[in-house]
Amino acid sequence: MLFNLNETVSEPITITLTGQTSATTVTETTYDKAIYDLSGSPTGTPPDPAGTSTWAAPTTTSLGAQTLPLSLTLTRGA
């Protein structure tokens, strides 16, 4: 699990695994402020007009097989 706490800048990162040069399946799961802002609230804020206080689900992206090291960019934390 990786976090970017920088509120103004996206951060490039490199992921390495000792003794590994590839990965057969890589899945990226993202939960950022934009997704958080879609969550409902007890007061009925859209997209949850019934006010059930649900959380918006994270996005999941399959990156397939990857050569390591893997370079990604973490979106800004705000």
N, C-alpha and C. Protein backbone atom coordinates (compact mmCIF):
# COMPACT_ATOMS: atom_id res chain seq x y z
N MET A 1 0.86 -1.15 0.00
CA MET A 1 0.00 0.00 0.00
C MET A 1 0.91 1.23 0.00
N LEU A 2 0.61 2.14 -0.90
CA LEU A 2 1.41 3.35 -1.04
C LEU A 2 0.48 4.56 -0.95
N PHE A 3 0.96 5.60 -0.31
CA PHE A 3 0.19 6.83 -0.14
C PHE A 3 1.02 8.02 -0.60
N ASN A 4 0.39 8.97 -1.26
CA ASN A 4 1.01 10.25 -1.56
C ASN A 4 0.32 11.28 -0.68
N LEU A 5 1.02 11.79 0.30
CA LEU A 5 0.45 12.77 1.21
C LEU A 5 0.67 14.21 0.73
N ASN A 6 1.37 14.36 -0.40
CA ASN A 6 1.62 15.68 -0.96
C ASN A 6 0.33 16.19 -1.60
N GLU A 7 -0.18 17.31 -1.13
CA GLU A 7 -1.45 17.86 -1.61
C GLU A 7 -1.34 18.63 -2.91
N THR A 8 -0.12 18.88 -3.39
CA THR A 8 0.03 19.71 -4.57
C THR A 8 0.72 19.04 -5.76
N VAL A 9 1.44 17.95 -5.53
CA VAL A 9 2.23 17.35 -6.60
C VAL A 9 2.03 15.83 -6.65
N SER A 10 1.83 15.30 -7.86
CA SER A 10 1.83 13.86 -8.04
C SER A 10 3.27 13.37 -7.91
N GLU A 11 3.46 12.15 -7.42
CA GLU A 11 4.80 11.64 -7.15
C GLU A 11 5.10 10.40 -7.98
N PRO A 12 6.17 10.45 -8.80
CA PRO A 12 6.58 9.24 -9.51
C PRO A 12 7.27 8.29 -8.53
N ILE A 13 7.01 6.99 -8.67
CA ILE A 13 7.64 5.99 -7.80
C ILE A 13 8.12 4.82 -8.65
N THR A 14 9.06 4.07 -8.11
CA THR A 14 9.54 2.86 -8.74
C THR A 14 9.41 1.72 -7.74
N ILE A 15 8.79 0.63 -8.16
CA ILE A 15 8.59 -0.52 -7.30
C ILE A 15 9.53 -1.63 -7.75
N THR A 16 10.32 -2.14 -6.80
CA THR A 16 11.21 -3.25 -7.08
C THR A 16 10.95 -4.36 -6.06
N LEU A 17 11.19 -5.58 -6.46
CA LEU A 17 11.10 -6.72 -5.56
C LEU A 17 12.41 -7.48 -5.66
N THR A 18 13.08 -7.65 -4.54
CA THR A 18 14.36 -8.32 -4.52
C THR A 18 14.23 -9.72 -5.12
N GLY A 19 15.09 -10.03 -6.07
CA GLY A 19 15.10 -11.34 -6.69
C GLY A 19 14.06 -11.55 -7.77
N GLN A 20 13.28 -10.52 -8.09
CA GLN A 20 12.23 -10.64 -9.10
C GLN A 20 12.51 -9.69 -10.26
N THR A 21 12.31 -10.16 -11.48
CA THR A 21 12.48 -9.30 -12.66
C THR A 21 11.18 -9.10 -13.42
N SER A 22 10.13 -9.83 -13.00
CA SER A 22 8.84 -9.66 -13.66
C SER A 22 7.73 -10.09 -12.72
N ALA A 23 6.53 -9.71 -13.08
CA ALA A 23 5.34 -10.11 -12.34
C ALA A 23 4.30 -10.54 -13.38
N THR A 24 3.67 -11.69 -13.15
CA THR A 24 2.72 -12.20 -14.14
C THR A 24 1.42 -11.42 -14.15
N THR A 25 1.03 -10.88 -13.00
CA THR A 25 -0.20 -10.10 -12.92
C THR A 25 -0.01 -8.96 -11.92
N VAL A 26 -0.29 -7.76 -12.35
CA VAL A 26 -0.23 -6.59 -11.47
C VAL A 26 -1.60 -5.92 -11.51
N THR A 27 -2.15 -5.66 -10.33
CA THR A 27 -3.43 -4.96 -10.23
C THR A 27 -3.23 -3.71 -9.40
N GLU A 28 -3.68 -2.59 -9.93
CA GLU A 28 -3.58 -1.30 -9.24
C GLU A 28 -4.97 -0.95 -8.71
N THR A 29 -5.06 -0.74 -7.40
CA THR A 29 -6.30 -0.31 -6.77
C THR A 29 -6.10 1.11 -6.28
N THR A 30 -6.99 2.00 -6.67
CA THR A 30 -6.85 3.42 -6.35
C THR A 30 -8.05 3.92 -5.56
N TYR A 31 -7.78 4.62 -4.49
CA TYR A 31 -8.81 5.34 -3.74
C TYR A 31 -8.24 6.72 -3.45
N ASP A 32 -8.74 7.71 -4.16
CA ASP A 32 -8.21 9.06 -4.01
C ASP A 32 -9.30 10.03 -3.57
N LYS A 33 -8.94 11.29 -3.46
CA LYS A 33 -9.89 12.27 -2.98
C LYS A 33 -11.10 12.40 -3.91
N ALA A 34 -10.87 12.30 -5.20
CA ALA A 34 -11.99 12.40 -6.15
C ALA A 34 -13.00 11.28 -5.90
N ILE A 35 -12.54 10.09 -5.61
CA ILE A 35 -13.44 8.97 -5.31
C ILE A 35 -14.10 9.21 -3.96
N TYR A 36 -13.32 9.64 -2.98
CA TYR A 36 -13.87 9.94 -1.65
C TYR A 36 -15.01 10.95 -1.74
N ASP A 37 -14.82 11.96 -2.58
CA ASP A 37 -15.83 13.01 -2.72
C ASP A 37 -17.14 12.50 -3.31
N LEU A 38 -17.13 11.32 -3.95
CA LEU A 38 -18.35 10.74 -4.50
C LEU A 38 -19.14 9.97 -3.45
N SER A 39 -18.55 9.80 -2.27
CA SER A 39 -19.23 9.04 -1.22
C SER A 39 -20.42 9.82 -0.68
N GLY A 40 -21.44 9.07 -0.25
CA GLY A 40 -22.63 9.69 0.31
C GLY A 40 -22.42 10.10 1.75
N SER A 41 -23.41 10.71 2.33
CA SER A 41 -23.34 11.12 3.73
C SER A 41 -24.71 10.96 4.36
N PRO A 42 -24.79 10.94 5.68
CA PRO A 42 -26.08 10.82 6.35
C PRO A 42 -27.05 11.95 6.01
N THR A 43 -26.56 13.03 5.47
CA THR A 43 -27.44 14.15 5.13
C THR A 43 -28.01 14.04 3.72
N GLY A 44 -27.61 12.97 2.99
CA GLY A 44 -28.16 12.76 1.65
C GLY A 44 -27.40 13.43 0.53
N THR A 45 -26.11 13.65 0.71
CA THR A 45 -25.30 14.25 -0.34
C THR A 45 -25.18 13.29 -1.52
N PRO A 46 -25.41 13.74 -2.77
CA PRO A 46 -25.26 12.87 -3.94
C PRO A 46 -23.85 12.28 -3.99
N PRO A 47 -23.65 11.07 -4.49
CA PRO A 47 -24.62 10.26 -5.22
C PRO A 47 -25.46 9.35 -4.33
N ASP A 48 -25.58 9.67 -3.10
CA ASP A 48 -26.32 8.84 -2.15
C ASP A 48 -27.49 9.64 -1.59
N PRO A 49 -28.46 9.99 -2.44
CA PRO A 49 -29.53 10.87 -1.99
C PRO A 49 -30.40 10.28 -0.87
N ALA A 50 -30.36 8.97 -0.69
CA ALA A 50 -31.16 8.37 0.39
C ALA A 50 -30.47 8.55 1.73
N GLY A 51 -29.23 8.99 1.72
CA GLY A 51 -28.51 9.23 2.97
C GLY A 51 -28.11 7.97 3.70
N THR A 52 -27.66 6.96 2.96
CA THR A 52 -27.29 5.70 3.60
C THR A 52 -25.84 5.68 4.06
N SER A 53 -25.14 6.76 3.89
CA SER A 53 -23.76 6.89 4.35
C SER A 53 -22.84 5.84 3.74
N THR A 54 -22.94 5.60 2.44
CA THR A 54 -22.09 4.62 1.76
C THR A 54 -20.80 5.26 1.28
N TRP A 55 -19.79 4.42 1.13
CA TRP A 55 -18.50 4.87 0.60
C TRP A 55 -18.42 4.49 -0.86
N ALA A 56 -17.90 5.37 -1.68
CA ALA A 56 -17.67 5.05 -3.09
C ALA A 56 -16.56 4.01 -3.16
N ALA A 57 -16.69 3.07 -4.08
CA ALA A 57 -15.72 1.99 -4.22
C ALA A 57 -14.45 2.48 -4.91
N PRO A 58 -13.31 1.87 -4.57
CA PRO A 58 -12.06 2.21 -5.26
C PRO A 58 -12.12 1.73 -6.71
N THR A 59 -11.24 2.28 -7.54
CA THR A 59 -11.11 1.78 -8.91
C THR A 59 -10.03 0.72 -8.93
N THR A 60 -10.21 -0.28 -9.77
CA THR A 60 -9.23 -1.34 -9.90
C THR A 60 -8.86 -1.46 -11.37
N THR A 61 -7.55 -1.46 -11.64
CA THR A 61 -7.07 -1.56 -13.00
C THR A 61 -6.07 -2.70 -13.10
N SER A 62 -6.30 -3.61 -14.03
CA SER A 62 -5.34 -4.69 -14.27
C SER A 62 -4.26 -4.17 -15.20
N LEU A 63 -3.02 -4.26 -14.77
CA LEU A 63 -1.89 -3.83 -15.59
C LEU A 63 -1.27 -5.01 -16.33
N GLY A 64 -1.80 -6.22 -16.08
CA GLY A 64 -1.28 -7.42 -16.75
C GLY A 64 0.13 -7.76 -16.29
N ALA A 65 0.85 -8.49 -17.12
CA ALA A 65 2.23 -8.85 -16.81
C ALA A 65 3.11 -7.61 -16.93
N GLN A 66 4.06 -7.48 -16.00
CA GLN A 66 4.94 -6.31 -15.99
C GLN A 66 6.39 -6.73 -15.75
N THR A 67 7.30 -5.98 -16.35
CA THR A 67 8.71 -6.15 -16.07
C THR A 67 9.06 -5.26 -14.90
N LEU A 68 9.86 -5.77 -13.98
CA LEU A 68 10.27 -4.99 -12.82
C LEU A 68 11.67 -4.45 -13.04
N PRO A 69 11.99 -3.27 -12.52
CA PRO A 69 11.17 -2.43 -11.66
C PRO A 69 10.01 -1.80 -12.42
N LEU A 70 8.93 -1.51 -11.68
CA LEU A 70 7.70 -0.95 -12.23
C LEU A 70 7.61 0.52 -11.84
N SER A 71 7.39 1.37 -12.81
CA SER A 71 7.25 2.81 -12.55
C SER A 71 5.78 3.20 -12.59
N LEU A 72 5.33 3.91 -11.55
CA LEU A 72 3.96 4.40 -11.44
C LEU A 72 4.00 5.85 -10.97
N THR A 73 2.87 6.52 -11.06
CA THR A 73 2.75 7.87 -10.52
C THR A 73 1.58 7.89 -9.55
N LEU A 74 1.85 8.31 -8.32
CA LEU A 74 0.81 8.46 -7.31
C LEU A 74 0.20 9.85 -7.48
N THR A 75 -1.13 9.91 -7.62
CA THR A 75 -1.77 11.22 -7.77
C THR A 75 -1.60 12.03 -6.49
N ARG A 76 -1.73 13.32 -6.61
CA ARG A 76 -1.55 14.19 -5.44
C ARG A 76 -2.57 13.84 -4.36
N GLY A 77 -2.21 14.10 -3.12
CA GLY A 77 -3.00 13.66 -2.00
C GLY A 77 -4.20 14.50 -1.64
N ALA A 78 -4.45 15.61 -2.31
CA ALA A 78 -5.58 16.46 -1.94
C ALA A 78 -6.84 16.06 -2.64
